[in-house]
Amino acid sequence: RYDWKKNKIEKTGILRLDSIPANAAIFVNGALQRKTTPASLFRLLPGDYDTRLEKTGYLPWQKTLEIKTNETTFASGITLFSDSLPRLLFRGDITSAKINADGSTIAFLLKKNDWTELGVYRRTQGVRLLARFGQNKYSNISLTLSPGGDYLLFRGNIDKKNDELLLYPLSKNTEAAALRPALAQNATISRWSGDNSLIIVTDDGVFAIDPPTAVVSPLVAAPKIMDATDYGGTIYLLRRRGTNTVTLEQTDG
């Protein structure tokens, strides 16, 4: 192309633009282009170009990009951020938090004076206090939410020897169910199998817990189980067999 500023013919370059989300309007030196992202702009004379991306509902992106002769300038992975400000839902000294699979529920531990509070935020219910206890009552606290966010499993060590397992239903205002102490002491892994079953792996075998009733049912009686899951009524096990062998086994639940 003929460069009128330099009064000579110049070989051109290419500008490649990609953005997340796509379909952003492209402005080059203030001129709106016909294409939206992702797009390649051809036959650009070498030099600096003021490049701007705009999309409704997002903050604009702007940068000066250099075009070189016989080269492609890539501006890839441009992220456009939402122009809406975050809304404060809760404030406090949160020491631990857990989010469920679809992001609808957040369980958290809140330090408040001499107390620790167990709370939950659900999009349909807002923030709710579940329990309050002395800061020194539990150690090694862990929180596990069911995938749909309807149940919370609380596990805490009371005196460095005894664990407590509490099952909280979150869809209604009912008290937590304490799972039997023998199960809590021997539990090595807790895993949700959908919203309808909680799998507990112990030194003695695998147990299923029905969340609405907190009824415990033995599934498999076997030692050295490393992990287990329930898929459509079939129990899959990882078991240690000897020093260097691990087997994958299945059995009907």
C-alpha atoms as a PDB file:
ATOM      1  CA  ARG A   1       0.000   0.000   0.000  1.00  0.00           C
ATOM      2  CA  TYR A   2       1.035   3.564  -0.553  1.00  0.00           C
ATOM      3  CA  ASP A   3       1.988   5.288   2.710  1.00  0.00           C
ATOM      4  CA  TRP A   4       1.103   8.973   2.240  1.00  0.00           C
ATOM      5  CA  LYS A   5       2.954   9.987   5.403  1.00  0.00           C
ATOM      6  CA  LYS A   6       6.203   8.439   4.214  1.00  0.00           C
ATOM      7  CA  ASN A   7       5.426   9.130   0.551  1.00  0.00           C
ATOM      8  CA  LYS A   8       6.330   5.591  -0.543  1.00  0.00           C
ATOM      9  CA  ILE A   9       4.888   2.093  -1.044  1.00  0.00           C
ATOM     10  CA  GLU A  10       5.115  -0.178   2.039  1.00  0.00           C
ATOM     11  CA  LYS A  11       4.507  -3.893   2.568  1.00  0.00           C
ATOM     12  CA  THR A  12       1.633  -4.401   4.998  1.00  0.00           C
ATOM     13  CA  GLY A  13       0.957  -6.532   8.082  1.00  0.00           C
ATOM     14  CA  ILE A  14      -1.982  -8.292   9.752  1.00  0.00           C
ATOM     15  CA  LEU A  15      -3.680  -7.764  13.129  1.00  0.00           C
ATOM     16  CA  ARG A  16      -5.380 -10.772  14.749  1.00  0.00           C
ATOM     17  CA  LEU A  17      -7.796 -10.135  17.634  1.00  0.00           C
ATOM     18  CA  ASP A  18      -9.534 -12.702  19.898  1.00  0.00           C
ATOM     19  CA  SER A  19     -11.632 -11.894  22.960  1.00  0.00           C
ATOM     20  CA  ILE A  20     -13.572 -13.594  25.740  1.00  0.00           C
ATOM     21  CA  PRO A  21     -16.503 -13.179  25.270  1.00  0.00           C
ATOM     22  CA  ALA A  22     -16.503 -13.015  21.490  1.00  0.00           C
ATOM     23  CA  ASN A  23     -18.371 -10.640  19.141  1.00  0.00           C
ATOM     24  CA  ALA A  24     -16.804  -7.480  20.555  1.00  0.00           C
ATOM     25  CA  ALA A  25     -16.767  -4.363  18.376  1.00  0.00           C
ATOM     26  CA  ILE A  26     -13.319  -3.382  17.076  1.00  0.00           C
ATOM     27  CA  PHE A  27     -12.070   0.209  16.838  1.00  0.00           C
ATOM     28  CA  VAL A  28      -8.722   0.943  15.180  1.00  0.00           C
ATOM     29  CA  ASN A  29      -7.468   4.512  15.559  1.00  0.00           C
ATOM     30  CA  GLY A  30     -11.033   5.456  16.467  1.00  0.00           C
ATOM     31  CA  ALA A  31     -12.607   3.904  13.357  1.00  0.00           C
ATOM     32  CA  LEU A  32     -15.211   1.161  13.845  1.00  0.00           C
ATOM     33  CA  GLN A  33     -14.363  -1.944  11.823  1.00  0.00           C
ATOM     34  CA  ARG A  34     -16.920  -4.088  10.012  1.00  0.00           C
ATOM     35  CA  LYS A  35     -15.726  -7.262  11.723  1.00  0.00           C
ATOM     36  CA  THR A  36     -16.197  -8.313  15.362  1.00  0.00           C
ATOM     37  CA  THR A  37     -13.937 -10.584  17.371  1.00  0.00           C
ATOM     38  CA  PRO A  38     -12.497 -13.027  16.552  1.00  0.00           C
ATOM     39  CA  ALA A  39     -11.167 -11.273  13.462  1.00  0.00           C
ATOM     40  CA  SER A  40      -8.097 -10.656  11.337  1.00  0.00           C
ATOM     41  CA  LEU A  41      -7.519  -7.189   9.874  1.00  0.00           C
ATOM     42  CA  PHE A  42      -5.432  -7.241   6.685  1.00  0.00           C
ATOM     43  CA  ARG A  43      -3.313  -4.787   4.696  1.00  0.00           C
ATOM     44  CA  LEU A  44      -2.353  -2.551   7.623  1.00  0.00           C
ATOM     45  CA  LEU A  45       0.611  -0.285   7.063  1.00  0.00           C
ATOM     46  CA  PRO A  46       3.484  -0.704   9.557  1.00  0.00           C
ATOM     47  CA  GLY A  47       3.211   1.491  12.625  1.00  0.00           C
ATOM     48  CA  ASP A  48       1.375   1.871  15.948  1.00  0.00           C
ATOM     49  CA  TYR A  49      -2.406   1.431  16.092  1.00  0.00           C
ATOM     50  CA  ASP A  50      -4.677   2.462  18.933  1.00  0.00           C
ATOM     51  CA  THR A  51      -6.875  -0.643  19.278  1.00  0.00           C
ATOM     52  CA  ARG A  52     -10.067  -0.772  21.333  1.00  0.00           C
ATOM     53  CA  LEU A  53     -12.658  -3.506  21.928  1.00  0.00           C
ATOM     54  CA  GLU A  54     -16.180  -2.752  23.155  1.00  0.00           C
ATOM     55  CA  LYS A  55     -19.137  -4.957  24.083  1.00  0.00           C
ATOM     56  CA  THR A  56     -22.373  -4.019  25.838  1.00  0.00           C
ATOM     57  CA  GLY A  57     -22.270  -4.971  29.514  1.00  0.00           C
ATOM     58  CA  TYR A  58     -18.467  -5.176  29.630  1.00  0.00           C
ATOM     59  CA  LEU A  59     -15.638  -2.775  30.339  1.00  0.00           C
ATOM     60  CA  PRO A  60     -13.751  -1.725  27.169  1.00  0.00           C
ATOM     61  CA  TRP A  61     -10.248  -2.983  26.424  1.00  0.00           C
ATOM     62  CA  GLN A  62      -7.688  -0.665  24.852  1.00  0.00           C
ATOM     63  CA  LYS A  63      -4.031  -0.966  23.903  1.00  0.00           C
ATOM     64  CA  THR A  64      -1.532   0.403  21.358  1.00  0.00           C
ATOM     65  CA  LEU A  65      -0.391  -2.427  19.078  1.00  0.00           C
ATOM     66  CA  GLU A  66       2.514  -2.346  16.646  1.00  0.00           C
ATOM     67  CA  ILE A  67       2.103  -3.656  13.109  1.00  0.00           C
ATOM     68  CA  LYS A  68       5.252  -4.801  11.337  1.00  0.00           C
ATOM     69  CA  THR A  69       5.932  -5.465   7.647  1.00  0.00           C
ATOM     70  CA  ASN A  70       5.170  -9.032   6.519  1.00  0.00           C
ATOM     71  CA  GLU A  71       4.175 -10.054  10.072  1.00  0.00           C
ATOM     72  CA  THR A  72       0.986 -10.848  11.993  1.00  0.00           C
ATOM     73  CA  THR A  73       0.470  -9.148  15.346  1.00  0.00           C
ATOM     74  CA  PHE A  74      -1.559 -11.369  17.673  1.00  0.00           C
ATOM     75  CA  ALA A  75      -3.684 -10.001  20.514  1.00  0.00           C
ATOM     76  CA  SER A  76      -5.120 -13.278  21.809  1.00  0.00           C
ATOM     77  CA  GLY A  77      -6.938 -14.186  25.007  1.00  0.00           C
ATOM     78  CA  ILE A  78      -8.254 -10.673  25.634  1.00  0.00           C
ATOM     79  CA  THR A  79     -10.671 -10.878  28.573  1.00  0.00           C
ATOM     80  CA  LEU A  80     -13.492  -8.361  28.803  1.00  0.00           C
ATOM     81  CA  PHE A  81     -14.678  -7.943  32.380  1.00  0.00           C
ATOM     82  CA  SER A  82     -18.269  -7.248  33.359  1.00  0.00           C
ATOM     83  CA  ASP A  83     -18.964  -3.585  34.097  1.00  0.00           C
ATOM     84  CA  SER A  84     -21.304  -4.455  37.004  1.00  0.00           C
ATOM     85  CA  LEU A  85     -19.797  -4.016  40.460  1.00  0.00           C
ATOM     86  CA  PRO A  86     -19.804  -6.995  42.889  1.00  0.00           C
ATOM     87  CA  ARG A  87     -22.542  -6.886  45.514  1.00  0.00           C
ATOM     88  CA  LEU A  88     -21.565  -7.382  49.171  1.00  0.00           C
ATOM     89  CA  LEU A  89     -23.473 -10.349  50.587  1.00  0.00           C
ATOM     90  CA  PHE A  90     -21.688 -10.914  53.886  1.00  0.00           C
ATOM     91  CA  ARG A  91     -18.764  -9.527  55.852  1.00  0.00           C
ATOM     92  CA  GLY A  92     -16.802 -11.223  58.628  1.00  0.00           C
ATOM     93  CA  ASP A  93     -13.619 -13.006  59.689  1.00  0.00           C
ATOM     94  CA  ILE A  94     -14.177 -16.166  57.631  1.00  0.00           C
ATOM     95  CA  THR A  95     -11.536 -18.813  58.372  1.00  0.00           C
ATOM     96  CA  SER A  96     -12.752 -21.536  56.003  1.00  0.00           C
ATOM     97  CA  ALA A  97     -15.308 -21.906  53.222  1.00  0.00           C
ATOM     98  CA  LYS A  98     -16.595 -24.549  50.823  1.00  0.00           C
ATOM     99  CA  ILE A  99     -18.640 -24.103  47.614  1.00  0.00           C
ATOM    100  CA  ASN A 100     -20.857 -26.806  46.116  1.00  0.00           C
ATOM    101  CA  ALA A 101     -20.605 -28.085  42.546  1.00  0.00           C
ATOM    102  CA  ASP A 102     -23.042 -25.653  40.874  1.00  0.00           C
ATOM    103  CA  GLY A 103     -22.041 -22.629  42.986  1.00  0.00           C
ATOM    104  CA  SER A 104     -25.483 -22.183  44.563  1.00  0.00           C
ATOM    105  CA  THR A 105     -24.374 -22.803  48.158  1.00  0.00           C
ATOM    106  CA  ILE A 106     -21.416 -21.682  50.276  1.00  0.00           C
ATOM    107  CA  ALA A 107     -20.709 -23.094  53.740  1.00  0.00           C
ATOM    108  CA  PHE A 108     -18.306 -21.143  55.942  1.00  0.00           C
ATOM    109  CA  LEU A 109     -16.717 -20.919  59.387  1.00  0.00           C
ATOM    110  CA  LEU A 110     -16.743 -17.466  60.970  1.00  0.00           C
ATOM    111  CA  LYS A 111     -14.518 -16.362  63.856  1.00  0.00           C
ATOM    112  CA  LYS A 112     -16.452 -14.063  66.190  1.00  0.00           C
ATOM    113  CA  ASN A 113     -14.963 -13.020  69.544  1.00  0.00           C
ATOM    114  CA  ASP A 114     -14.610 -16.272  71.542  1.00  0.00           C
ATOM    115  CA  TRP A 115     -16.923 -18.199  69.249  1.00  0.00           C
ATOM    116  CA  THR A 116     -16.781 -19.995  65.932  1.00  0.00           C
ATOM    117  CA  GLU A 117     -19.983 -19.852  63.906  1.00  0.00           C
ATOM    118  CA  LEU A 118     -20.971 -22.287  61.183  1.00  0.00           C
ATOM    119  CA  GLY A 119     -23.008 -20.565  58.506  1.00  0.00           C
ATOM    120  CA  VAL A 120     -24.311 -21.103  55.017  1.00  0.00           C
ATOM    121  CA  TYR A 121     -25.223 -18.847  52.110  1.00  0.00           C
ATOM    122  CA  ARG A 122     -27.781 -20.108  49.585  1.00  0.00           C
ATOM    123  CA  ARG A 123     -28.985 -18.073  46.619  1.00  0.00           C
ATOM    124  CA  THR A 124     -32.574 -18.951  47.453  1.00  0.00           C
ATOM    125  CA  GLN A 125     -32.330 -18.249  51.208  1.00  0.00           C
ATOM    126  CA  GLY A 126     -29.487 -15.801  51.824  1.00  0.00           C
ATOM    127  CA  VAL A 127     -27.169 -16.173  54.844  1.00  0.00           C
ATOM    128  CA  ARG A 128     -28.206 -18.455  57.709  1.00  0.00           C
ATOM    129  CA  LEU A 129     -26.453 -19.400  60.974  1.00  0.00           C
ATOM    130  CA  LEU A 130     -26.342 -23.179  61.533  1.00  0.00           C
ATOM    131  CA  ALA A 131     -24.352 -23.537  64.763  1.00  0.00           C
ATOM    132  CA  ARG A 132     -22.161 -21.694  67.267  1.00  0.00           C
ATOM    133  CA  PHE A 133     -19.462 -23.281  69.409  1.00  0.00           C
ATOM    134  CA  GLY A 134     -16.346 -22.336  71.377  1.00  0.00           C
ATOM    135  CA  GLN A 135     -13.225 -21.791  69.304  1.00  0.00           C
ATOM    136  CA  ASN A 136     -11.373 -24.581  71.094  1.00  0.00           C
ATOM    137  CA  LYS A 137     -14.133 -27.196  70.871  1.00  0.00           C
ATOM    138  CA  TYR A 138     -13.092 -28.599  67.473  1.00  0.00           C
ATOM    139  CA  SER A 139      -9.852 -29.006  65.567  1.00  0.00           C
ATOM    140  CA  ASN A 140      -9.245 -30.193  61.987  1.00  0.00           C
ATOM    141  CA  ILE A 141     -12.698 -29.090  60.835  1.00  0.00           C
ATOM    142  CA  SER A 142     -13.750 -30.090  57.333  1.00  0.00           C
ATOM    143  CA  LEU A 143     -16.902 -29.137  55.410  1.00  0.00           C
ATOM    144  CA  THR A 144     -18.408 -31.140  52.533  1.00  0.00           C
ATOM    145  CA  LEU A 145     -21.436 -29.982  50.543  1.00  0.00           C
ATOM    146  CA  SER A 146     -23.685 -32.199  48.465  1.00  0.00           C
ATOM    147  CA  PRO A 147     -23.576 -31.365  44.709  1.00  0.00           C
ATOM    148  CA  GLY A 148     -26.987 -29.658  44.787  1.00  0.00           C
ATOM    149  CA  GLY A 149     -26.198 -27.804  48.019  1.00  0.00           C
ATOM    150  CA  ASP A 150     -29.049 -29.399  50.003  1.00  0.00           C
ATOM    151  CA  TYR A 151     -26.865 -31.032  52.670  1.00  0.00           C
ATOM    152  CA  LEU A 152     -23.699 -30.193  54.579  1.00  0.00           C
ATOM    153  CA  LEU A 153     -21.446 -32.753  56.258  1.00  0.00           C
ATOM    154  CA  PHE A 154     -19.475 -31.268  59.161  1.00  0.00           C
ATOM    155  CA  ARG A 155     -16.504 -33.163  60.587  1.00  0.00           C
ATOM    156  CA  GLY A 156     -14.448 -31.997  63.550  1.00  0.00           C
ATOM    157  CA  ASN A 157     -12.026 -33.521  66.041  1.00  0.00           C
ATOM    158  CA  ILE A 158     -13.066 -32.955  69.652  1.00  0.00           C
ATOM    159  CA  ASP A 159     -10.129 -34.092  71.807  1.00  0.00           C
ATOM    160  CA  LYS A 160      -7.505 -35.297  69.306  1.00  0.00           C
ATOM    161  CA  LYS A 161      -9.035 -38.786  69.587  1.00  0.00           C
ATOM    162  CA  ASN A 162     -12.726 -38.499  68.826  1.00  0.00           C
ATOM    163  CA  ASP A 163     -14.266 -37.176  65.633  1.00  0.00           C
ATOM    164  CA  GLU A 164     -17.820 -35.949  65.242  1.00  0.00           C
ATOM    165  CA  LEU A 165     -19.830 -36.179  62.029  1.00  0.00           C
ATOM    166  CA  LEU A 166     -22.858 -33.891  61.754  1.00  0.00           C
ATOM    167  CA  LEU A 167     -25.241 -33.890  58.793  1.00  0.00           C
ATOM    168  CA  TYR A 168     -27.089 -30.585  58.226  1.00  0.00           C
ATOM    169  CA  PRO A 169     -30.141 -30.385  55.929  1.00  0.00           C
ATOM    170  CA  LEU A 170     -30.003 -26.929  54.345  1.00  0.00           C
ATOM    171  CA  SER A 171     -33.290 -26.779  52.460  1.00  0.00           C
ATOM    172  CA  LYS A 172     -35.281 -26.545  55.703  1.00  0.00           C
ATOM    173  CA  ASN A 173     -34.699 -25.268  59.238  1.00  0.00           C
ATOM    174  CA  THR A 174     -34.047 -28.539  61.046  1.00  0.00           C
ATOM    175  CA  GLU A 175     -31.278 -29.506  63.433  1.00  0.00           C
ATOM    176  CA  ALA A 176     -28.228 -31.486  62.395  1.00  0.00           C
ATOM    177  CA  ALA A 177     -28.197 -35.265  62.735  1.00  0.00           C
ATOM    178  CA  ALA A 178     -25.164 -36.698  64.535  1.00  0.00           C
ATOM    179  CA  LEU A 179     -23.874 -39.833  62.839  1.00  0.00           C
ATOM    180  CA  ARG A 180     -23.007 -42.666  65.165  1.00  0.00           C
ATOM    181  CA  PRO A 181     -19.659 -42.241  66.960  1.00  0.00           C
ATOM    182  CA  ALA A 182     -18.152 -45.529  65.768  1.00  0.00           C
ATOM    183  CA  LEU A 183     -18.631 -44.448  62.164  1.00  0.00           C
ATOM    184  CA  ALA A 184     -17.135 -41.021  62.826  1.00  0.00           C
ATOM    185  CA  GLN A 185     -14.008 -42.405  64.496  1.00  0.00           C
ATOM    186  CA  ASN A 186     -13.165 -44.827  61.698  1.00  0.00           C
ATOM    187  CA  ALA A 187     -14.154 -42.706  58.694  1.00  0.00           C
ATOM    188  CA  THR A 188     -11.271 -42.153  56.288  1.00  0.00           C
ATOM    189  CA  ILE A 189     -13.161 -40.747  53.268  1.00  0.00           C
ATOM    190  CA  SER A 190     -16.584 -39.158  52.819  1.00  0.00           C
ATOM    191  CA  ARG A 191     -17.946 -38.784  49.296  1.00  0.00           C
ATOM    192  CA  TRP A 192     -21.304 -37.665  47.930  1.00  0.00           C
ATOM    193  CA  SER A 193     -22.954 -39.912  45.380  1.00  0.00           C
ATOM    194  CA  GLY A 194     -25.345 -37.371  43.932  1.00  0.00           C
ATOM    195  CA  ASP A 195     -27.683 -35.608  46.356  1.00  0.00           C
ATOM    196  CA  ASN A 196     -29.317 -38.831  47.485  1.00  0.00           C
ATOM    197  CA  SER A 197     -26.490 -40.735  49.123  1.00  0.00           C
ATOM    198  CA  LEU A 198     -23.377 -40.056  51.167  1.00  0.00           C
ATOM    199  CA  ILE A 199     -20.645 -42.702  51.029  1.00  0.00           C
ATOM    200  CA  ILE A 200     -18.419 -43.184  54.080  1.00  0.00           C
ATOM    201  CA  VAL A 201     -15.285 -45.330  53.817  1.00  0.00           C
ATOM    202  CA  THR A 202     -13.964 -46.760  57.096  1.00  0.00           C
ATOM    203  CA  ASP A 203     -11.351 -49.308  58.149  1.00  0.00           C
ATOM    204  CA  ASP A 204     -14.131 -51.925  58.216  1.00  0.00           C
ATOM    205  CA  GLY A 205     -15.835 -51.243  54.906  1.00  0.00           C
ATOM    206  CA  VAL A 206     -18.182 -48.894  53.048  1.00  0.00           C
ATOM    207  CA  PHE A 207     -21.397 -47.395  54.420  1.00  0.00           C
ATOM    208  CA  ALA A 208     -24.150 -45.359  52.779  1.00  0.00           C
ATOM    209  CA  ILE A 209     -26.047 -42.599  54.557  1.00  0.00           C
ATOM    210  CA  ASP A 210     -29.512 -41.499  53.447  1.00  0.00           C
ATOM    211  CA  PRO A 211     -29.429 -37.685  53.935  1.00  0.00           C
ATOM    212  CA  PRO A 212     -33.132 -37.075  54.674  1.00  0.00           C
ATOM    213  CA  THR A 213     -33.237 -39.668  57.459  1.00  0.00           C
ATOM    214  CA  ALA A 214     -29.527 -40.001  58.386  1.00  0.00           C
ATOM    215  CA  VAL A 215     -30.009 -43.783  58.337  1.00  0.00           C
ATOM    216  CA  VAL A 216     -26.721 -45.668  57.930  1.00  0.00           C
ATOM    217  CA  SER A 217     -26.616 -48.804  55.757  1.00  0.00           C
ATOM    218  CA  PRO A 218     -23.577 -51.083  55.348  1.00  0.00           C
ATOM    219  CA  LEU A 219     -22.674 -51.651  51.697  1.00  0.00           C
ATOM    220  CA  VAL A 220     -19.400 -53.570  51.638  1.00  0.00           C
ATOM    221  CA  ALA A 221     -17.537 -55.272  54.483  1.00  0.00           C
ATOM    222  CA  ALA A 222     -13.899 -55.426  53.421  1.00  0.00           C
ATOM    223  CA  PRO A 223     -10.531 -54.178  54.701  1.00  0.00           C
ATOM    224  CA  LYS A 224      -7.964 -51.929  53.012  1.00  0.00           C
ATOM    225  CA  ILE A 225     -10.447 -49.946  50.925  1.00  0.00           C
ATOM    226  CA  MET A 226      -8.769 -46.783  49.660  1.00  0.00           C
ATOM    227  CA  ASP A 227     -11.821 -45.175  48.034  1.00  0.00           C
ATOM    228  CA  ALA A 228     -15.360 -46.004  46.925  1.00  0.00           C
ATOM    229  CA  THR A 229     -18.268 -44.548  44.986  1.00  0.00           C
ATOM    230  CA  ASP A 230     -21.838 -45.545  44.168  1.00  0.00           C
ATOM    231  CA  TYR A 231     -22.953 -45.310  40.539  1.00  0.00           C
ATOM    232  CA  GLY A 232     -26.518 -46.424  39.849  1.00  0.00           C
ATOM    233  CA  GLY A 233     -26.474 -48.953  42.680  1.00  0.00           C
ATOM    234  CA  THR A 234     -23.117 -50.440  41.698  1.00  0.00           C
ATOM    235  CA  ILE A 235     -20.319 -49.891  44.215  1.00  0.00           C
ATOM    236  CA  TYR A 236     -16.843 -49.324  42.802  1.00  0.00           C
ATOM    237  CA  LEU A 237     -13.899 -49.887  45.142  1.00  0.00           C
ATOM    238  CA  LEU A 238     -10.201 -49.162  45.108  1.00  0.00           C
ATOM    239  CA  ARG A 239      -8.565 -51.752  47.380  1.00  0.00           C
ATOM    240  CA  ARG A 240      -4.961 -52.256  48.357  1.00  0.00           C
ATOM    241  CA  ARG A 241      -3.769 -55.805  47.688  1.00  0.00           C
ATOM    242  CA  GLY A 242      -0.294 -56.277  49.002  1.00  0.00           C
ATOM    243  CA  THR A 243       2.476 -53.728  49.076  1.00  0.00           C
ATOM    244  CA  ASN A 244       2.479 -52.551  45.453  1.00  0.00           C
ATOM    245  CA  THR A 245      -0.922 -53.626  44.121  1.00  0.00           C
ATOM    246  CA  VAL A 246      -4.211 -51.715  43.992  1.00  0.00           C
ATOM    247  CA  THR A 247      -7.312 -53.279  42.434  1.00  0.00           C
ATOM    248  CA  LEU A 248     -10.503 -51.761  41.031  1.00  0.00           C
ATOM    249  CA  GLU A 249     -13.510 -53.847  42.066  1.00  0.00           C
ATOM    250  CA  GLN A 250     -17.259 -53.576  41.682  1.00  0.00           C
ATOM    251  CA  THR A 251     -20.179 -55.044  43.606  1.00  0.00           C
ATOM    252  CA  ASP A 252     -23.919 -54.507  43.711  1.00  0.00           C
ATOM    253  CA  GLY A 253     -25.045 -52.115  46.447  1.00  0.00           C
END
